[in-house]
Amino acid sequence: MVVLEFVLQVVLGISSVLLTLLILLHKGRGGGLSDMFGGGMTAAVGSSGLAERNLNRFTVVLALIWFVTIVALGLITKFTAI
């Protein structure tokens, strides 16, 4: 059980860093902090292009991996403490 918990913690750490980087790679949609720093100068036209769609898919898949890892670690912690 200790090995599984360690592996899940490593997966959680890696997925957290990658998820942060992928979210920062997305284009600003305007109307938020990106406008305040000059990011609103170009008109963002939704998810145009194959690269943006693939970035969206990778982000969603990585977010699901992150969520499942969080839930699994929570369950392991709960049932190990009993």
PDB file of N, CA and C in Angstrom:
ATOM      1  N   MET A   1       0.826  -1.202   0.000  1.00  0.00           N
ATOM      2  CA  MET A   1       0.000   0.000   0.000  1.00  0.00           C
ATOM      3  C   MET A   1       0.863   1.255   0.000  1.00  0.00           C
ATOM      4  N   VAL A   2       2.039   1.177   0.622  1.00  0.00           N
ATOM      5  CA  VAL A   2       2.936   2.324   0.698  1.00  0.00           C
ATOM      6  C   VAL A   2       3.487   2.665  -0.683  1.00  0.00           C
ATOM      7  N   VAL A   3       3.775   1.635  -1.479  1.00  0.00           N
ATOM      8  CA  VAL A   3       4.307   1.853  -2.822  1.00  0.00           C
ATOM      9  C   VAL A   3       3.250   2.521  -3.704  1.00  0.00           C
ATOM     10  N   LEU A   4       2.005   2.074  -3.606  1.00  0.00           N
ATOM     11  CA  LEU A   4       0.920   2.667  -4.386  1.00  0.00           C
ATOM     12  C   LEU A   4       0.722   4.129  -4.017  1.00  0.00           C
ATOM     13  N   GLU A   5       0.785   4.417  -2.725  1.00  0.00           N
ATOM     14  CA  GLU A   5       0.631   5.803  -2.275  1.00  0.00           C
ATOM     15  C   GLU A   5       1.770   6.678  -2.788  1.00  0.00           C
ATOM     16  N   PHE A   6       2.986   6.149  -2.782  1.00  0.00           N
ATOM     17  CA  PHE A   6       4.138   6.897  -3.295  1.00  0.00           C
ATOM     18  C   PHE A   6       4.001   7.160  -4.789  1.00  0.00           C
ATOM     19  N   VAL A   7       3.586   6.153  -5.537  1.00  0.00           N
ATOM     20  CA  VAL A   7       3.409   6.310  -6.987  1.00  0.00           C
ATOM     21  C   VAL A   7       2.333   7.351  -7.274  1.00  0.00           C
ATOM     22  N   LEU A   8       1.228   7.312  -6.529  1.00  0.00           N
ATOM     23  CA  LEU A   8       0.162   8.290  -6.728  1.00  0.00           C
ATOM     24  C   LEU A   8       0.615   9.703  -6.379  1.00  0.00           C
ATOM     25  N   GLN A   9       1.458   9.839  -5.354  1.00  0.00           N
ATOM     26  CA  GLN A   9       1.973  11.161  -5.009  1.00  0.00           C
ATOM     27  C   GLN A   9       2.891  11.705  -6.098  1.00  0.00           C
ATOM     28  N   VAL A  10       3.689  10.823  -6.698  1.00  0.00           N
ATOM     29  CA  VAL A  10       4.558  11.254  -7.799  1.00  0.00           C
ATOM     30  C   VAL A  10       3.713  11.661  -9.001  1.00  0.00           C
ATOM     31  N   VAL A  11       2.696  10.854  -9.328  1.00  0.00           N
ATOM     32  CA  VAL A  11       1.802  11.190 -10.445  1.00  0.00           C
ATOM     33  C   VAL A  11       1.091  12.510 -10.167  1.00  0.00           C
ATOM     34  N   LEU A  12       0.676  12.729  -8.926  1.00  0.00           N
ATOM     35  CA  LEU A  12       0.011  13.975  -8.556  1.00  0.00           C
ATOM     36  C   LEU A  12       0.940  15.171  -8.741  1.00  0.00           C
ATOM     37  N   GLY A  13       2.170  15.036  -8.310  1.00  0.00           N
ATOM     38  CA  GLY A  13       3.129  16.138  -8.466  1.00  0.00           C
ATOM     39  C   GLY A  13       3.407  16.472  -9.915  1.00  0.00           C
ATOM     40  N   ILE A  14       3.646  15.462 -10.719  1.00  0.00           N
ATOM     41  CA  ILE A  14       3.936  15.681 -12.137  1.00  0.00           C
ATOM     42  C   ILE A  14       2.717  16.244 -12.851  1.00  0.00           C
ATOM     43  N   SER A  15       1.537  15.674 -12.577  1.00  0.00           N
ATOM     44  CA  SER A  15       0.335  16.163 -13.256  1.00  0.00           C
ATOM     45  C   SER A  15      -0.014  17.582 -12.821  1.00  0.00           C
ATOM     46  N   SER A  16       0.276  17.953 -11.583  1.00  0.00           N
ATOM     47  CA  SER A  16       0.007  19.313 -11.123  1.00  0.00           C
ATOM     48  C   SER A  16       0.859  20.324 -11.872  1.00  0.00           C
ATOM     49  N   VAL A  17       2.138  20.018 -12.019  1.00  0.00           N
ATOM     50  CA  VAL A  17       3.040  20.930 -12.732  1.00  0.00           C
ATOM     51  C   VAL A  17       2.645  21.025 -14.201  1.00  0.00           C
ATOM     52  N   LEU A  18       2.384  19.881 -14.833  1.00  0.00           N
ATOM     53  CA  LEU A  18       2.013  19.890 -16.247  1.00  0.00           C
ATOM     54  C   LEU A  18       0.671  20.582 -16.476  1.00  0.00           C
ATOM     55  N   LEU A  19      -0.277  20.378 -15.572  1.00  0.00           N
ATOM     56  CA  LEU A  19      -1.577  21.024 -15.705  1.00  0.00           C
ATOM     57  C   LEU A  19      -1.440  22.540 -15.591  1.00  0.00           C
ATOM     58  N   THR A  20      -0.615  23.000 -14.686  1.00  0.00           N
ATOM     59  CA  THR A  20      -0.370  24.437 -14.561  1.00  0.00           C
ATOM     60  C   THR A  20       0.233  24.999 -15.841  1.00  0.00           C
ATOM     61  N   LEU A  21       1.206  24.299 -16.406  1.00  0.00           N
ATOM     62  CA  LEU A  21       1.834  24.765 -17.646  1.00  0.00           C
ATOM     63  C   LEU A  21       0.849  24.762 -18.813  1.00  0.00           C
ATOM     64  N   LEU A  22       0.028  23.725 -18.917  1.00  0.00           N
ATOM     65  CA  LEU A  22      -0.936  23.675 -20.009  1.00  0.00           C
ATOM     66  C   LEU A  22      -1.983  24.770 -19.886  1.00  0.00           C
ATOM     67  N   ILE A  23      -2.425  25.064 -18.678  1.00  0.00           N
ATOM     68  CA  ILE A  23      -3.403  26.133 -18.491  1.00  0.00           C
ATOM     69  C   ILE A  23      -2.796  27.482 -18.867  1.00  0.00           C
ATOM     70  N   LEU A  24      -1.542  27.679 -18.539  1.00  0.00           N
ATOM     71  CA  LEU A  24      -0.891  28.942 -18.893  1.00  0.00           C
ATOM     72  C   LEU A  24      -0.657  29.082 -20.390  1.00  0.00           C
ATOM     73  N   LEU A  25      -0.633  27.972 -21.129  1.00  0.00           N
ATOM     74  CA  LEU A  25      -0.442  28.037 -22.570  1.00  0.00           C
ATOM     75  C   LEU A  25      -1.692  28.466 -23.328  1.00  0.00           C
ATOM     76  N   HIS A  26      -2.857  28.386 -22.699  1.00  0.00           N
ATOM     77  CA  HIS A  26      -4.092  28.749 -23.375  1.00  0.00           C
ATOM     78  C   HIS A  26      -4.132  30.236 -23.680  1.00  0.00           C
ATOM     79  N   LYS A  27      -4.837  30.574 -24.760  1.00  0.00           N
ATOM     80  CA  LYS A  27      -5.010  31.971 -25.125  1.00  0.00           C
ATOM     81  C   LYS A  27      -5.943  32.647 -24.139  1.00  0.00           C
ATOM     82  N   GLY A  28      -5.709  33.929 -23.907  1.00  0.00           N
ATOM     83  CA  GLY A  28      -6.617  34.701 -23.084  1.00  0.00           C
ATOM     84  C   GLY A  28      -7.906  34.973 -23.845  1.00  0.00           C
ATOM     85  N   ARG A  29      -9.031  34.894 -23.187  1.00  0.00           N
ATOM     86  CA  ARG A  29     -10.314  35.111 -23.847  1.00  0.00           C
ATOM     87  C   ARG A  29     -10.780  36.562 -23.722  1.00  0.00           C
ATOM     88  N   GLY A  30     -10.048  37.367 -23.007  1.00  0.00           N
ATOM     89  CA  GLY A  30     -10.431  38.768 -22.864  1.00  0.00           C
ATOM     90  C   GLY A  30     -11.384  38.976 -21.697  1.00  0.00           C
ATOM     91  N   GLY A  31     -11.435  40.198 -21.220  1.00  0.00           N
ATOM     92  CA  GLY A  31     -12.349  40.529 -20.149  1.00  0.00           C
ATOM     93  C   GLY A  31     -11.822  40.209 -18.775  1.00  0.00           C
ATOM     94  N   GLY A  32     -10.593  39.780 -18.662  1.00  0.00           N
ATOM     95  CA  GLY A  32     -10.044  39.428 -17.360  1.00  0.00           C
ATOM     96  C   GLY A  32      -8.711  40.105 -17.134  1.00  0.00           C
ATOM     97  N   LEU A  33      -7.852  39.445 -16.407  1.00  0.00           N
ATOM     98  CA  LEU A  33      -6.539  40.010 -16.118  1.00  0.00           C
ATOM     99  C   LEU A  33      -5.668  40.127 -17.367  1.00  0.00           C
ATOM    100  N   SER A  34      -5.946  39.301 -18.387  1.00  0.00           N
ATOM    101  CA  SER A  34      -5.133  39.364 -19.600  1.00  0.00           C
ATOM    102  C   SER A  34      -5.313  40.711 -20.302  1.00  0.00           C
ATOM    103  N   ASP A  35      -6.495  41.336 -20.208  1.00  0.00           N
ATOM    104  CA  ASP A  35      -6.706  42.657 -20.796  1.00  0.00           C
ATOM    105  C   ASP A  35      -5.912  43.731 -20.057  1.00  0.00           C
ATOM    106  N   MET A  36      -5.786  43.570 -18.755  1.00  0.00           N
ATOM    107  CA  MET A  36      -5.096  44.562 -17.963  1.00  0.00           C
ATOM    108  C   MET A  36      -3.610  44.629 -18.322  1.00  0.00           C
ATOM    109  N   PHE A  37      -3.032  43.518 -18.720  1.00  0.00           N
ATOM    110  CA  PHE A  37      -1.616  43.482 -19.047  1.00  0.00           C
ATOM    111  C   PHE A  37      -1.367  43.520 -20.551  1.00  0.00           C
ATOM    112  N   GLY A  38      -2.349  43.929 -21.329  1.00  0.00           N
ATOM    113  CA  GLY A  38      -2.144  44.078 -22.764  1.00  0.00           C
ATOM    114  C   GLY A  38      -2.477  42.853 -23.572  1.00  0.00           C
ATOM    115  N   GLY A  39      -3.028  41.832 -22.974  1.00  0.00           N
ATOM    116  CA  GLY A  39      -3.354  40.618 -23.713  1.00  0.00           C
ATOM    117  C   GLY A  39      -4.612  40.734 -24.536  1.00  0.00           C
ATOM    118  N   GLY A  40      -5.385  41.802 -24.340  1.00  0.00           N
ATOM    119  CA  GLY A  40      -6.636  41.975 -25.064  1.00  0.00           C
ATOM    120  C   GLY A  40      -6.485  42.676 -26.393  1.00  0.00           C
ATOM    121  N   MET A  41      -5.259  42.937 -26.823  1.00  0.00           N
ATOM    122  CA  MET A  41      -5.041  43.646 -28.075  1.00  0.00           C
ATOM    123  C   MET A  41      -5.426  42.801 -29.282  1.00  0.00           C
ATOM    124  N   THR A  42      -5.256  41.510 -29.204  1.00  0.00           N
ATOM    125  CA  THR A  42      -5.617  40.641 -30.313  1.00  0.00           C
ATOM    126  C   THR A  42      -6.965  40.002 -30.021  1.00  0.00           C
ATOM    127  N   ALA A  43      -7.767  39.868 -31.043  1.00  0.00           N
ATOM    128  CA  ALA A  43      -9.091  39.271 -30.863  1.00  0.00           C
ATOM    129  C   ALA A  43      -8.958  37.762 -30.823  1.00  0.00           C
ATOM    130  N   ALA A  44      -9.390  37.165 -29.741  1.00  0.00           N
ATOM    131  CA  ALA A  44      -9.366  35.704 -29.622  1.00  0.00           C
ATOM    132  C   ALA A  44     -10.650  35.160 -30.228  1.00  0.00           C
ATOM    133  N   VAL A  45     -10.519  34.266 -31.189  1.00  0.00           N
ATOM    134  CA  VAL A  45     -11.678  33.742 -31.899  1.00  0.00           C
ATOM    135  C   VAL A  45     -11.935  32.312 -31.451  1.00  0.00           C
ATOM    136  N   GLY A  46     -12.171  32.096 -30.168  1.00  0.00           N
ATOM    137  CA  GLY A  46     -12.486  30.758 -29.674  1.00  0.00           C
ATOM    138  C   GLY A  46     -11.352  29.783 -29.895  1.00  0.00           C
ATOM    139  N   SER A  47     -11.704  28.525 -30.034  1.00  0.00           N
ATOM    140  CA  SER A  47     -10.709  27.472 -30.230  1.00  0.00           C
ATOM    141  C   SER A  47     -10.498  27.235 -31.716  1.00  0.00           C
ATOM    142  N   SER A  48      -9.782  28.133 -32.343  1.00  0.00           N
ATOM    143  CA  SER A  48      -9.514  27.961 -33.762  1.00  0.00           C
ATOM    144  C   SER A  48      -8.175  27.267 -33.928  1.00  0.00           C
ATOM    145  N   GLY A  49      -8.124  26.379 -34.845  1.00  0.00           N
ATOM    146  CA  GLY A  49      -6.875  25.703 -35.144  1.00  0.00           C
ATOM    147  C   GLY A  49      -6.741  24.383 -34.423  1.00  0.00           C
ATOM    148  N   LEU A  50      -6.004  23.517 -35.050  1.00  0.00           N
ATOM    149  CA  LEU A  50      -5.791  22.178 -34.527  1.00  0.00           C
ATOM    150  C   LEU A  50      -4.970  22.191 -33.246  1.00  0.00           C
ATOM    151  N   ALA A  51      -3.997  23.080 -33.173  1.00  0.00           N
ATOM    152  CA  ALA A  51      -3.138  23.129 -31.989  1.00  0.00           C
ATOM    153  C   ALA A  51      -3.936  23.515 -30.741  1.00  0.00           C
ATOM    154  N   GLU A  52      -4.848  24.465 -30.884  1.00  0.00           N
ATOM    155  CA  GLU A  52      -5.645  24.894 -29.721  1.00  0.00           C
ATOM    156  C   GLU A  52      -6.616  23.793 -29.288  1.00  0.00           C
ATOM    157  N   ARG A  53      -7.193  23.087 -30.261  1.00  0.00           N
ATOM    158  CA  ARG A  53      -8.093  21.981 -29.900  1.00  0.00           C
ATOM    159  C   ARG A  53      -7.332  20.860 -29.207  1.00  0.00           C
ATOM    160  N   ASN A  54      -6.143  20.541 -29.704  1.00  0.00           N
ATOM    161  CA  ASN A  54      -5.340  19.504 -29.058  1.00  0.00           C
ATOM    162  C   ASN A  54      -4.902  19.938 -27.663  1.00  0.00           C
ATOM    163  N   LEU A  55      -4.580  21.203 -27.502  1.00  0.00           N
ATOM    164  CA  LEU A  55      -4.219  21.717 -26.188  1.00  0.00           C
ATOM    165  C   LEU A  55      -5.397  21.586 -25.221  1.00  0.00           C
ATOM    166  N   ASN A  56      -6.598  21.864 -25.710  1.00  0.00           N
ATOM    167  CA  ASN A  56      -7.800  21.694 -24.880  1.00  0.00           C
ATOM    168  C   ASN A  56      -7.971  20.240 -24.470  1.00  0.00           C
ATOM    169  N   ARG A  57      -7.801  19.317 -25.412  1.00  0.00           N
ATOM    170  CA  ARG A  57      -7.952  17.886 -25.117  1.00  0.00           C
ATOM    171  C   ARG A  57      -6.923  17.420 -24.102  1.00  0.00           C
ATOM    172  N   PHE A  58      -5.659  17.810 -24.293  1.00  0.00           N
ATOM    173  CA  PHE A  58      -4.598  17.409 -23.359  1.00  0.00           C
ATOM    174  C   PHE A  58      -4.887  17.954 -21.964  1.00  0.00           C
ATOM    175  N   THR A  59      -5.377  19.187 -21.901  1.00  0.00           N
ATOM    176  CA  THR A  59      -5.669  19.798 -20.608  1.00  0.00           C
ATOM    177  C   THR A  59      -6.791  19.055 -19.895  1.00  0.00           C
ATOM    178  N   VAL A  60      -7.839  18.691 -20.628  1.00  0.00           N
ATOM    179  CA  VAL A  60      -8.964  17.979 -20.018  1.00  0.00           C
ATOM    180  C   VAL A  60      -8.527  16.596 -19.545  1.00  0.00           C
ATOM    181  N   VAL A  61      -7.765  15.873 -20.366  1.00  0.00           N
ATOM    182  CA  VAL A  61      -7.308  14.537 -19.979  1.00  0.00           C
ATOM    183  C   VAL A  61      -6.400  14.621 -18.751  1.00  0.00           C
ATOM    184  N   LEU A  62      -5.501  15.587 -18.736  1.00  0.00           N
ATOM    185  CA  LEU A  62      -4.603  15.735 -17.592  1.00  0.00           C
ATOM    186  C   LEU A  62      -5.365  16.156 -16.338  1.00  0.00           C
ATOM    187  N   ALA A  63      -6.403  16.975 -16.502  1.00  0.00           N
ATOM    188  CA  ALA A  63      -7.225  17.365 -15.353  1.00  0.00           C
ATOM    189  C   ALA A  63      -7.974  16.156 -14.792  1.00  0.00           C
ATOM    190  N   LEU A  64      -8.434  15.268 -15.662  1.00  0.00           N
ATOM    191  CA  LEU A  64      -9.095  14.047 -15.195  1.00  0.00           C
ATOM    192  C   LEU A  64      -8.116  13.137 -14.454  1.00  0.00           C
ATOM    193  N   ILE A  65      -6.902  13.014 -14.967  1.00  0.00           N
ATOM    194  CA  ILE A  65      -5.873  12.211 -14.289  1.00  0.00           C
ATOM    195  C   ILE A  65      -5.580  12.811 -12.909  1.00  0.00           C
ATOM    196  N   TRP A  66      -5.464  14.133 -12.857  1.00  0.00           N
ATOM    197  CA  TRP A  66      -5.205  14.820 -11.589  1.00  0.00           C
ATOM    198  C   TRP A  66      -6.333  14.575 -10.596  1.00  0.00           C
ATOM    199  N   PHE A  67      -7.588  14.672 -11.060  1.00  0.00           N
ATOM    200  CA  PHE A  67      -8.743  14.477 -10.191  1.00  0.00           C
ATOM    201  C   PHE A  67      -8.818  13.046  -9.662  1.00  0.00           C
ATOM    202  N   VAL A  68      -8.605  12.072 -10.537  1.00  0.00           N
ATOM    203  CA  VAL A  68      -8.654  10.662 -10.121  1.00  0.00           C
ATOM    204  C   VAL A  68      -7.545  10.373  -9.116  1.00  0.00           C
ATOM    205  N   THR A  69      -6.381  10.960  -9.323  1.00  0.00           N
ATOM    206  CA  THR A  69      -5.269  10.764  -8.393  1.00  0.00           C
ATOM    207  C   THR A  69      -5.596  11.349  -7.022  1.00  0.00           C
ATOM    208  N   ILE A  70      -6.213  12.532  -6.993  1.00  0.00           N
ATOM    209  CA  ILE A  70      -6.610  13.154  -5.729  1.00  0.00           C
ATOM    210  C   ILE A  70      -7.612  12.269  -4.984  1.00  0.00           C
ATOM    211  N   VAL A  71      -8.613  11.759  -5.720  1.00  0.00           N
ATOM    212  CA  VAL A  71      -9.628  10.914  -5.095  1.00  0.00           C
ATOM    213  C   VAL A  71      -9.006   9.619  -4.579  1.00  0.00           C
ATOM    214  N   ALA A  72      -8.125   9.011  -5.368  1.00  0.00           N
ATOM    215  CA  ALA A  72      -7.482   7.760  -4.945  1.00  0.00           C
ATOM    216  C   ALA A  72      -6.627   7.974  -3.698  1.00  0.00           C
ATOM    217  N   LEU A  73      -5.877   9.069  -3.657  1.00  0.00           N
ATOM    218  CA  LEU A  73      -5.072   9.349  -2.463  1.00  0.00           C
ATOM    219  C   LEU A  73      -5.955   9.605  -1.251  1.00  0.00           C
ATOM    220  N   GLY A  74      -7.076  10.276  -1.449  1.00  0.00           N
ATOM    221  CA  GLY A  74      -8.001  10.508  -0.350  1.00  0.00           C
ATOM    222  C   GLY A  74      -8.583   9.214   0.185  1.00  0.00           C
ATOM    223  N   LEU A  75      -8.958   8.308  -0.713  1.00  0.00           N
ATOM    224  CA  LEU A  75      -9.507   7.022  -0.282  1.00  0.00           C
ATOM    225  C   LEU A  75      -8.458   6.170   0.432  1.00  0.00           C
ATOM    226  N   ILE A  76      -7.238   6.193  -0.080  1.00  0.00           N
ATOM    227  CA  ILE A  76      -6.170   5.421   0.571  1.00  0.00           C
ATOM    228  C   ILE A  76      -5.920   5.978   1.975  1.00  0.00           C
ATOM    229  N   THR A  77      -5.884   7.296   2.082  1.00  0.00           N
ATOM    230  CA  THR A  77      -5.655   7.914   3.395  1.00  0.00           C
ATOM    231  C   THR A  77      -6.791   7.589   4.363  1.00  0.00           C
ATOM    232  N   LYS A  78      -8.022   7.618   3.871  1.00  0.00           N
ATOM    233  CA  LYS A  78      -9.171   7.364   4.738  1.00  0.00           C
ATOM    234  C   LYS A  78      -9.177   5.932   5.252  1.00  0.00           C
ATOM    235  N   PHE A  79      -8.939   4.980   4.372  1.00  0.00           N
ATOM    236  CA  PHE A  79      -9.037   3.582   4.772  1.00  0.00           C
ATOM    237  C   PHE A  79      -7.768   3.072   5.445  1.00  0.00           C
ATOM    238  N   THR A  80      -6.650   3.760   5.289  1.00  0.00           N
ATOM    239  CA  THR A  80      -5.436   3.384   6.000  1.00  0.00           C
ATOM    240  C   THR A  80      -5.513   3.836   7.458  1.00  0.00           C
ATOM    241  N   ALA A  81      -6.187   4.946   7.700  1.00  0.00           N
ATOM    242  CA  ALA A  81      -6.274   5.503   9.062  1.00  0.00           C
ATOM    243  C   ALA A  81      -7.185   4.670   9.960  1.00  0.00           C
ATOM    244  N   ILE A  82      -8.080   3.890   9.364  1.00  0.00           N
ATOM    245  CA  ILE A  82      -9.030   3.102  10.181  1.00  0.00           C
ATOM    246  C   ILE A  82      -8.382   1.916  10.814  1.00  0.00           C
TER     247      ILE A  82
END
